[in-house]
Amino acid sequence: MEALLEEHEKLVKKGNLSKSVEDVQKTIDLLVQARESIAANPHSAPVTLAKLQTPVKASFETVNSDLKEVYKGLGNYSKALDKKFKDKPLPTTDHDPLANHPVLMNRAVAMHLLREGQFSVASTFLIDASKQPRSESGTPNARQTEDDAATASLRSENLRRQFAEMYHILHALKNERNLLPAIAWAKKNGELLETRGSNLEFELGKLQFVWLFTGGPNPGGPRALSQQQALRYARQELAHFQRRYLKEITQLSGAMAFCPNLAQSPYRRIFHNEDAWEDLANSFTREFCSLLGLSADSPLYIAATAGAIALPTLLKLQTIMKEKRTEWTTQHELPVETPLPPAYHFHSIFVCPVSKEQTTDDNPPMMMPCGHVVAEESLRRLAKGSRFKCPYCPNESRQEDAKRLFM
């Protein structure tokens, strides 16, 4: 990466087009002056054009020289990029796990478009996705019926209206610094949020207090008036939160004593937090989607990002497999462990302590009466149709006494 950064710095310094723009502007100025001179005295045109020839030629040479530096910098930078990020073919396999699940793919794409606010594009996509060829009898098969049901649910006007409401609230929050639509939504869904243990409603009210305290709609107005507005808001809207958030409310009230120098006070993180608005917008999106039964991030985005993270490992694996002339035989799991960030850990993964293999739907984890867990295939091999001893404790079990675990 050091070579790439070095070429990037060179490109910024030498390949700057501002100098080229200045030289082009000088040429334009020469031409404009000549036109004005000829317009004022048409008889001087031959002399003016003759005098203009040399400076214009020199100006063009200067511009070409500037562009040579730009092209040279771009060429070196492109070579550095190609050297660092070599073109490699994507890993291939004869088994495509998504080939038999067009409904899931269509739903993921359509949901991503809806979540991004691309409602017209999502509508067109769903219409095209629903135009699947029917059977010869004209009766839809089971998969087509399932696809129609999925696309119909996504085409629901209620779902679009809810996402439109979310984008309206986010626009007001991010671009207009207007918390009122978000606060109204949180109040409307207060019981559901409280059931989830969410603190979104209080955090919105807290930021509204901070916004009013620091000037609100009139940042340059009288400080005392801003404090009065904030205090009035706290009494009206934050009083019922005292039972759960007394400490936080006390901090908001105590900050008034440090008003002249809040930046140096113990409360500076509350009143001078540059990330507060963005963090609250993300929290609102997460809670809004959770009430719809959806994840905060688009599943399509998560899958694509996780795939990009796993891609270097899979490319290396493919190279090793070609060298050793081996094949990837397991279709339902990756042949190597792919480390993903904690944000991409959604479900528990159980590896059988006996076979050292990851459990799947076809080979699920089974818990014996003693509480220890093994994969179903390992359980079958241990049991052999009779009672057997647990591999981790002295207790004996039977295969029919084991219970399946759902991870």
Protein backbone atom coordinates (compact mmCIF):
# COMPACT_ATOMS: atom_id res chain seq x y z
CA MET A 1 0.00 0.00 0.00
CA GLU A 2 2.95 2.34 0.52
CA ALA A 3 3.78 2.39 -3.20
CA LEU A 4 0.12 3.09 -3.99
CA LEU A 5 -0.05 5.97 -1.51
CA GLU A 6 3.19 7.40 -2.89
CA GLU A 7 1.85 7.42 -6.44
CA HIS A 8 -1.39 8.96 -5.18
CA GLU A 9 0.53 11.82 -3.56
CA LYS A 10 2.49 12.37 -6.77
CA LEU A 11 -0.74 12.45 -8.75
CA VAL A 12 -2.23 15.03 -6.38
CA LYS A 13 0.86 17.25 -6.65
CA LYS A 14 1.79 16.93 -10.33
CA GLY A 15 -1.51 15.91 -11.85
CA ASN A 16 -3.42 18.86 -10.50
CA LEU A 17 -5.65 20.28 -13.23
CA SER A 18 -5.92 23.71 -11.59
CA LYS A 19 -2.75 24.91 -13.36
CA SER A 20 -4.12 23.66 -16.69
CA VAL A 21 -7.38 25.50 -16.06
CA GLU A 22 -5.49 28.72 -15.33
CA ASP A 23 -3.49 28.43 -18.56
CA VAL A 24 -6.64 27.74 -20.58
CA GLN A 25 -8.27 30.78 -19.01
CA LYS A 26 -5.27 32.93 -20.08
CA THR A 27 -5.76 31.76 -23.67
CA ILE A 28 -9.45 32.63 -23.49
CA ASP A 29 -8.60 36.09 -22.14
CA LEU A 30 -6.23 36.70 -25.08
CA LEU A 31 -8.92 35.73 -27.56
CA VAL A 32 -11.54 37.89 -25.85
CA GLN A 33 -9.22 40.93 -25.87
CA ALA A 34 -8.49 40.40 -29.57
CA ARG A 35 -12.21 40.16 -30.37
CA GLU A 36 -12.95 43.37 -28.49
CA SER A 37 -10.08 45.15 -30.23
CA ILE A 38 -11.30 44.07 -33.66
CA ALA A 39 -14.87 45.01 -32.80
CA ALA A 40 -13.73 48.49 -31.79
CA ASN A 41 -11.54 48.94 -34.90
CA PRO A 42 -12.30 46.46 -37.71
CA HIS A 43 -9.41 47.79 -39.85
CA SER A 44 -6.91 46.56 -37.21
CA ALA A 45 -7.93 42.92 -37.62
CA PRO A 46 -4.89 41.78 -39.67
CA VAL A 47 -2.43 43.37 -37.25
CA THR A 48 -4.27 42.10 -34.17
CA LEU A 49 -4.44 38.53 -35.48
CA ALA A 50 -0.77 38.60 -36.41
CA LYS A 51 0.18 39.72 -32.91
CA LEU A 52 -2.14 37.07 -31.43
CA GLN A 53 -0.55 34.12 -33.24
CA THR A 54 2.63 33.80 -31.13
CA PRO A 55 1.09 34.13 -27.64
CA VAL A 56 -1.76 31.75 -28.50
CA LYS A 57 0.68 29.16 -29.82
CA ALA A 58 2.79 29.48 -26.66
CA SER A 59 -0.36 29.17 -24.54
CA PHE A 60 -1.41 25.95 -26.28
CA GLU A 61 2.07 24.49 -25.74
CA THR A 62 1.84 25.34 -22.05
CA VAL A 63 -1.56 23.61 -21.76
CA ASN A 64 -0.25 20.51 -23.55
CA SER A 65 2.74 20.45 -21.19
CA ASP A 66 0.39 20.62 -18.20
CA LEU A 67 -1.72 17.79 -19.54
CA LYS A 68 1.36 15.62 -20.11
CA GLU A 69 2.03 15.75 -16.36
CA VAL A 70 -1.58 14.80 -15.69
CA TYR A 71 -1.51 11.86 -18.10
CA LYS A 72 1.84 10.69 -16.74
CA GLY A 73 0.56 10.80 -13.17
CA LEU A 74 -2.61 8.93 -14.10
CA GLY A 75 -0.58 6.28 -15.91
CA ASN A 76 1.74 5.69 -12.96
CA TYR A 77 -1.21 5.56 -10.56
CA SER A 78 -3.06 3.07 -12.79
CA LYS A 79 0.04 0.84 -12.94
CA ALA A 80 0.35 0.94 -9.15
CA LEU A 81 -3.32 -0.01 -8.81
CA ASP A 82 -2.97 -2.91 -11.26
CA LYS A 83 0.14 -4.11 -9.46
CA LYS A 84 -1.53 -4.01 -6.05
CA PHE A 85 -4.95 -5.32 -7.08
CA LYS A 86 -4.23 -7.98 -9.66
CA ASP A 87 -7.08 -9.18 -11.78
CA LYS A 88 -8.08 -12.58 -10.46
CA PRO A 89 -10.98 -14.75 -11.57
CA LEU A 90 -13.75 -15.24 -9.05
CA PRO A 91 -13.90 -18.65 -7.37
CA THR A 92 -16.23 -20.98 -9.22
CA THR A 93 -18.12 -24.09 -8.20
CA ASP A 94 -20.41 -26.47 -10.00
CA HIS A 95 -22.99 -26.00 -7.27
CA ASP A 96 -24.91 -22.73 -7.11
CA PRO A 97 -26.79 -22.69 -3.78
CA LEU A 98 -29.03 -19.81 -4.90
CA ALA A 99 -30.04 -21.25 -8.26
CA ASN A 100 -33.03 -23.01 -6.71
CA HIS A 101 -34.14 -20.02 -4.67
CA PRO A 102 -35.19 -17.28 -7.13
CA VAL A 103 -37.87 -16.13 -4.68
CA LEU A 104 -35.25 -15.31 -2.04
CA MET A 105 -33.07 -13.48 -4.55
CA ASN A 106 -35.95 -11.42 -5.93
CA ARG A 107 -37.13 -10.59 -2.44
CA ALA A 108 -33.64 -9.51 -1.33
CA VAL A 109 -33.21 -7.20 -4.36
CA ALA A 110 -36.70 -5.72 -4.07
CA MET A 111 -36.37 -5.18 -0.32
CA HIS A 112 -33.00 -3.47 -0.83
CA LEU A 113 -34.54 -1.08 -3.37
CA LEU A 114 -37.42 -0.31 -1.02
CA ARG A 115 -35.07 0.31 1.90
CA GLU A 116 -33.05 2.70 -0.27
CA GLY A 117 -36.18 4.67 -1.13
CA GLN A 118 -36.15 3.57 -4.80
CA PHE A 119 -39.86 2.86 -4.84
CA SER A 120 -40.47 3.19 -8.60
CA VAL A 121 -37.47 0.98 -9.42
CA ALA A 122 -38.64 -1.62 -6.89
CA SER A 123 -42.13 -1.59 -8.42
CA THR A 124 -40.76 -2.16 -11.93
CA PHE A 125 -38.47 -4.92 -10.70
CA LEU A 126 -41.33 -6.72 -8.93
CA ILE A 127 -43.51 -6.51 -12.03
CA ASP A 128 -40.75 -8.04 -14.16
CA ALA A 129 -40.01 -10.70 -11.51
CA SER A 130 -43.66 -11.74 -11.41
CA LYS A 131 -43.72 -12.38 -15.18
CA GLN A 132 -42.55 -15.97 -14.82
CA PRO A 133 -43.52 -18.56 -17.46
CA ARG A 134 -46.48 -20.68 -16.38
CA SER A 135 -46.96 -24.36 -16.89
CA GLU A 136 -48.54 -25.57 -20.12
CA SER A 137 -51.90 -25.96 -18.40
CA GLY A 138 -51.75 -22.35 -17.29
CA THR A 139 -51.90 -23.33 -13.64
CA PRO A 140 -49.04 -21.93 -11.53
CA ASN A 141 -46.87 -24.48 -9.75
CA ALA A 142 -46.00 -24.33 -6.05
CA ARG A 143 -42.87 -22.24 -6.56
CA GLN A 144 -44.69 -19.73 -8.77
CA THR A 145 -47.44 -19.44 -6.17
CA GLU A 146 -44.83 -18.78 -3.49
CA ASP A 147 -43.13 -16.20 -5.72
CA ASP A 148 -46.44 -14.44 -6.37
CA ALA A 149 -47.16 -14.29 -2.64
CA ALA A 150 -43.69 -12.86 -1.90
CA THR A 151 -43.88 -10.19 -4.60
CA ALA A 152 -47.43 -9.30 -3.53
CA SER A 153 -46.26 -8.72 0.04
CA LEU A 154 -43.44 -6.49 -1.17
CA ARG A 155 -45.81 -4.59 -3.45
CA SER A 156 -47.96 -3.84 -0.45
CA GLU A 157 -48.81 -0.14 -0.26
CA ASN A 158 -48.54 -0.32 3.51
CA LEU A 159 -44.88 -1.39 3.36
CA ARG A 160 -44.00 1.40 0.92
CA ARG A 161 -45.82 3.93 3.04
CA GLN A 162 -43.87 2.86 6.11
CA PHE A 163 -40.51 3.17 4.36
CA ALA A 164 -41.57 6.54 2.93
CA GLU A 165 -42.37 7.66 6.48
CA MET A 166 -38.94 6.47 7.65
CA TYR A 167 -37.15 8.44 4.94
CA HIS A 168 -39.22 11.54 5.67
CA ILE A 169 -38.25 11.38 9.36
CA LEU A 170 -34.58 10.70 8.56
CA HIS A 171 -34.46 13.62 6.13
CA ALA A 172 -35.86 15.96 8.75
CA LEU A 173 -33.43 14.61 11.37
CA LYS A 174 -30.25 14.63 9.28
CA ASN A 175 -30.72 17.55 6.90
CA GLU A 176 -32.98 19.91 8.81
CA ARG A 177 -31.93 19.17 12.40
CA ASN A 178 -35.64 18.67 13.12
CA LEU A 179 -36.32 16.03 15.76
CA LEU A 180 -40.05 16.60 16.08
CA PRO A 181 -41.19 14.00 13.45
CA ALA A 182 -38.95 11.36 15.05
CA ILE A 183 -40.20 12.25 18.54
CA ALA A 184 -43.82 12.01 17.36
CA TRP A 185 -43.14 8.57 15.86
CA ALA A 186 -41.41 7.40 19.07
CA LYS A 187 -44.37 8.55 21.18
CA LYS A 188 -46.81 6.78 18.85
CA ASN A 189 -44.85 3.53 19.19
CA GLY A 190 -43.79 4.10 22.79
CA GLU A 191 -45.28 0.89 24.18
CA LEU A 192 -43.62 -1.29 21.56
CA LEU A 193 -40.27 0.44 22.07
CA GLU A 194 -40.53 0.07 25.83
CA THR A 195 -41.31 -3.63 25.43
CA ARG A 196 -38.10 -3.99 23.45
CA GLY A 197 -36.18 -2.12 26.16
CA SER A 198 -35.35 0.67 23.71
CA ASN A 199 -34.20 4.08 24.94
CA LEU A 200 -34.86 5.80 21.61
CA GLU A 201 -37.69 8.03 22.85
CA PHE A 202 -35.60 9.39 25.72
CA GLU A 203 -32.50 9.87 23.53
CA LEU A 204 -34.58 11.90 21.06
CA GLY A 205 -35.92 14.08 23.87
CA LYS A 206 -32.43 14.45 25.32
CA LEU A 207 -31.00 15.65 22.00
CA GLN A 208 -33.94 18.03 21.59
CA PHE A 209 -33.09 19.50 25.01
CA VAL A 210 -29.43 19.91 23.97
CA TRP A 211 -30.48 21.50 20.68
CA LEU A 212 -32.70 24.03 22.46
CA PHE A 213 -30.08 24.66 25.16
CA THR A 214 -27.39 25.50 22.58
CA GLY A 215 -29.59 27.95 20.67
CA GLY A 216 -32.13 25.85 18.82
CA PRO A 217 -33.58 27.72 15.84
CA ASN A 218 -31.69 30.90 16.90
CA PRO A 219 -28.07 29.90 17.62
CA GLY A 220 -26.98 33.49 17.98
CA GLY A 221 -29.88 34.52 20.20
CA PRO A 222 -29.85 35.34 23.92
CA ARG A 223 -28.38 32.51 25.94
CA ALA A 224 -30.83 32.93 28.80
CA LEU A 225 -33.79 32.54 26.44
CA SER A 226 -32.36 29.29 25.04
CA GLN A 227 -31.91 27.91 28.56
CA GLN A 228 -35.49 28.80 29.46
CA GLN A 229 -36.81 27.04 26.35
CA ALA A 230 -34.75 23.94 27.15
CA LEU A 231 -35.89 23.92 30.78
CA ARG A 232 -39.52 24.33 29.77
CA TYR A 233 -39.18 21.43 27.33
CA ALA A 234 -37.58 19.22 29.99
CA ARG A 235 -40.42 19.86 32.42
CA GLN A 236 -43.06 19.10 29.81
CA GLU A 237 -41.53 16.17 27.94
CA LEU A 238 -38.82 14.57 30.07
CA ALA A 239 -40.53 14.50 33.47
CA HIS A 240 -42.11 11.06 32.90
CA PHE A 241 -38.67 9.59 32.18
CA GLN A 242 -37.36 10.30 35.68
CA ARG A 243 -38.03 6.80 36.90
CA ARG A 244 -35.72 5.20 34.33
CA TYR A 245 -33.32 8.02 33.44
CA LEU A 246 -33.03 10.15 36.58
CA LYS A 247 -29.23 10.26 36.38
CA GLU A 248 -29.22 11.49 32.77
CA ILE A 249 -31.91 14.11 33.46
CA THR A 250 -29.95 15.33 36.49
CA GLN A 251 -26.90 15.78 34.27
CA LEU A 252 -28.89 17.84 31.78
CA SER A 253 -30.16 20.11 34.55
CA GLY A 254 -26.74 20.39 36.22
CA ALA A 255 -25.18 21.55 32.96
CA MET A 256 -26.91 24.91 33.36
CA ALA A 257 -24.43 25.86 36.08
CA PHE A 258 -21.58 25.42 33.56
CA CYS A 259 -23.27 27.28 30.71
CA PRO A 260 -20.46 29.85 30.13
CA ASN A 261 -17.82 27.14 29.66
CA LEU A 262 -19.63 23.94 28.68
CA ALA A 263 -16.73 22.93 26.42
CA GLN A 264 -14.47 22.61 29.49
CA SER A 265 -17.12 21.19 31.82
CA PRO A 266 -17.82 17.55 32.77
CA TYR A 267 -20.83 17.73 30.42
CA ARG A 268 -18.92 18.54 27.23
CA ARG A 269 -19.59 15.08 25.76
CA ILE A 270 -23.32 15.67 26.03
CA PHE A 271 -23.42 19.16 24.56
CA HIS A 272 -20.48 18.97 22.15
CA ASN A 273 -20.91 15.57 20.53
CA GLU A 274 -20.47 15.89 16.77
CA ASP A 275 -21.66 12.32 16.17
CA ALA A 276 -24.86 12.61 18.21
CA TRP A 277 -27.15 13.31 15.24
CA GLU A 278 -25.70 10.55 13.06
CA ASP A 279 -25.75 8.03 15.92
CA LEU A 280 -29.35 8.86 16.71
CA ALA A 281 -30.33 8.54 13.04
CA ASN A 282 -28.79 5.05 12.97
CA SER A 283 -30.56 4.15 16.19
CA PHE A 284 -33.88 5.38 14.78
CA THR A 285 -33.38 3.33 11.59
CA ARG A 286 -32.58 0.25 13.63
CA GLU A 287 -35.66 0.59 15.84
CA PHE A 288 -37.95 1.47 12.93
CA CYS A 289 -36.87 -1.61 10.98
CA SER A 290 -37.07 -3.83 14.05
CA LEU A 291 -40.74 -2.94 14.53
CA LEU A 292 -41.26 -4.04 10.91
CA GLY A 293 -39.52 -7.32 11.69
CA LEU A 294 -36.48 -6.36 9.59
CA SER A 295 -32.78 -5.96 10.29
CA ALA A 296 -31.30 -2.47 10.45
CA ASP A 297 -29.09 -3.11 7.40
CA SER A 298 -30.16 -4.44 4.04
CA PRO A 299 -29.65 -8.23 3.84
CA LEU A 300 -28.38 -7.79 0.29
CA TYR A 301 -25.79 -5.27 1.46
CA ILE A 302 -24.73 -7.55 4.32
CA ALA A 303 -24.40 -10.58 2.03
CA ALA A 304 -22.38 -8.63 -0.56
CA THR A 305 -20.07 -7.15 2.09
CA ALA A 306 -19.53 -10.49 3.81
CA GLY A 307 -18.78 -12.05 0.43
CA ALA A 308 -16.23 -9.33 -0.35
CA ILE A 309 -14.53 -9.98 3.00
CA ALA A 310 -14.43 -13.73 2.34
CA LEU A 311 -13.30 -13.40 -1.28
CA PRO A 312 -9.49 -13.22 -0.68
CA THR A 313 -9.64 -16.37 1.46
CA LEU A 314 -11.68 -18.21 -1.16
CA LEU A 315 -9.32 -17.15 -3.95
CA LYS A 316 -6.35 -18.44 -1.97
CA LEU A 317 -8.23 -21.67 -1.26
CA GLN A 318 -8.99 -22.12 -4.96
CA THR A 319 -5.29 -21.72 -5.81
CA ILE A 320 -4.28 -24.31 -3.22
CA MET A 321 -6.95 -26.74 -4.42
CA LYS A 322 -5.69 -26.45 -8.01
CA GLU A 323 -2.12 -27.09 -6.91
CA LYS A 324 -3.08 -30.13 -4.82
CA ARG A 325 -5.72 -31.26 -7.33
CA THR A 326 -8.44 -31.50 -4.71
CA GLU A 327 -12.12 -30.57 -4.89
CA TRP A 328 -14.54 -28.73 -2.68
CA THR A 329 -17.09 -31.43 -1.87
CA THR A 330 -19.10 -29.81 0.91
CA GLN A 331 -21.96 -27.82 -0.56
CA HIS A 332 -23.67 -26.45 2.54
CA GLU A 333 -20.70 -24.93 4.34
CA LEU A 334 -17.42 -23.19 3.57
CA PRO A 335 -14.32 -25.42 3.54
CA VAL A 336 -12.36 -22.89 5.59
CA GLU A 337 -13.18 -20.53 8.42
CA THR A 338 -13.85 -16.98 7.25
CA PRO A 339 -13.47 -14.39 10.02
CA LEU A 340 -16.16 -11.72 9.89
CA PRO A 341 -16.58 -8.57 12.01
CA PRO A 342 -18.80 -8.91 15.11
CA ALA A 343 -21.52 -6.89 13.37
CA TYR A 344 -21.94 -9.77 10.91
CA HIS A 345 -22.46 -12.48 13.54
CA PHE A 346 -26.18 -13.21 13.49
CA HIS A 347 -26.59 -16.87 14.42
CA SER A 348 -24.75 -19.26 16.68
CA ILE A 349 -22.52 -21.82 14.95
CA PHE A 350 -22.01 -25.21 16.57
CA VAL A 351 -19.09 -27.46 15.72
CA CYS A 352 -19.49 -31.06 16.86
CA PRO A 353 -16.80 -31.88 19.46
CA VAL A 354 -16.67 -35.48 18.20
CA SER A 355 -16.52 -35.13 14.41
CA LYS A 356 -15.10 -31.57 14.45
CA GLU A 357 -17.59 -30.63 11.72
CA GLN A 358 -20.01 -27.72 11.65
CA THR A 359 -23.63 -28.77 12.05
CA THR A 360 -26.13 -28.15 9.25
CA ASP A 361 -29.87 -28.58 8.71
CA ASP A 362 -29.20 -32.12 7.52
CA ASN A 363 -26.87 -32.82 10.43
CA PRO A 364 -28.30 -30.73 13.30
CA PRO A 365 -26.96 -30.48 16.88
CA MET A 366 -28.55 -32.93 19.33
CA MET A 367 -28.56 -32.50 23.11
CA MET A 368 -28.37 -35.65 25.26
CA PRO A 369 -30.14 -35.92 28.64
CA CYS A 370 -26.87 -35.10 30.41
CA GLY A 371 -26.78 -31.70 28.66
CA HIS A 372 -23.86 -32.35 26.31
CA VAL A 373 -24.35 -31.70 22.60
CA VAL A 374 -23.06 -33.55 19.53
CA ALA A 375 -24.03 -33.65 15.87
CA GLU A 376 -26.77 -36.08 14.83
CA GLU A 377 -24.41 -38.20 12.73
CA SER A 378 -21.99 -38.50 15.66
CA LEU A 379 -24.90 -39.43 17.92
CA ARG A 380 -25.96 -42.15 15.50
CA ARG A 381 -22.43 -43.57 15.33
CA LEU A 382 -22.12 -43.54 19.14
CA ALA A 383 -25.52 -45.14 19.76
CA LYS A 384 -25.43 -47.98 17.19
CA GLY A 385 -29.00 -48.78 18.18
CA SER A 386 -28.34 -49.27 21.90
CA ARG A 387 -27.46 -47.35 25.04
CA PHE A 388 -24.13 -45.56 24.97
CA LYS A 389 -21.86 -43.58 27.26
CA CYS A 390 -21.56 -39.84 26.73
CA PRO A 391 -18.05 -39.02 25.40
CA TYR A 392 -17.73 -36.21 27.98
CA CYS A 393 -19.29 -37.58 31.16
CA PRO A 394 -20.13 -40.97 32.76
CA ASN A 395 -23.87 -40.71 32.02
CA GLU A 396 -25.49 -43.16 29.64
CA SER A 397 -28.06 -42.16 27.05
CA ARG A 398 -30.21 -43.51 24.26
CA GLN A 399 -30.52 -41.97 20.81
CA GLU A 400 -34.28 -41.46 21.12
CA ASP A 401 -33.78 -39.44 24.32
CA ALA A 402 -31.73 -36.76 22.56
CA LYS A 403 -33.42 -33.53 21.55
CA ARG A 404 -32.64 -31.36 18.55
CA LEU A 405 -31.31 -27.85 19.15
CA PHE A 406 -32.26 -24.96 16.90
CA MET A 407 -29.42 -22.44 16.63
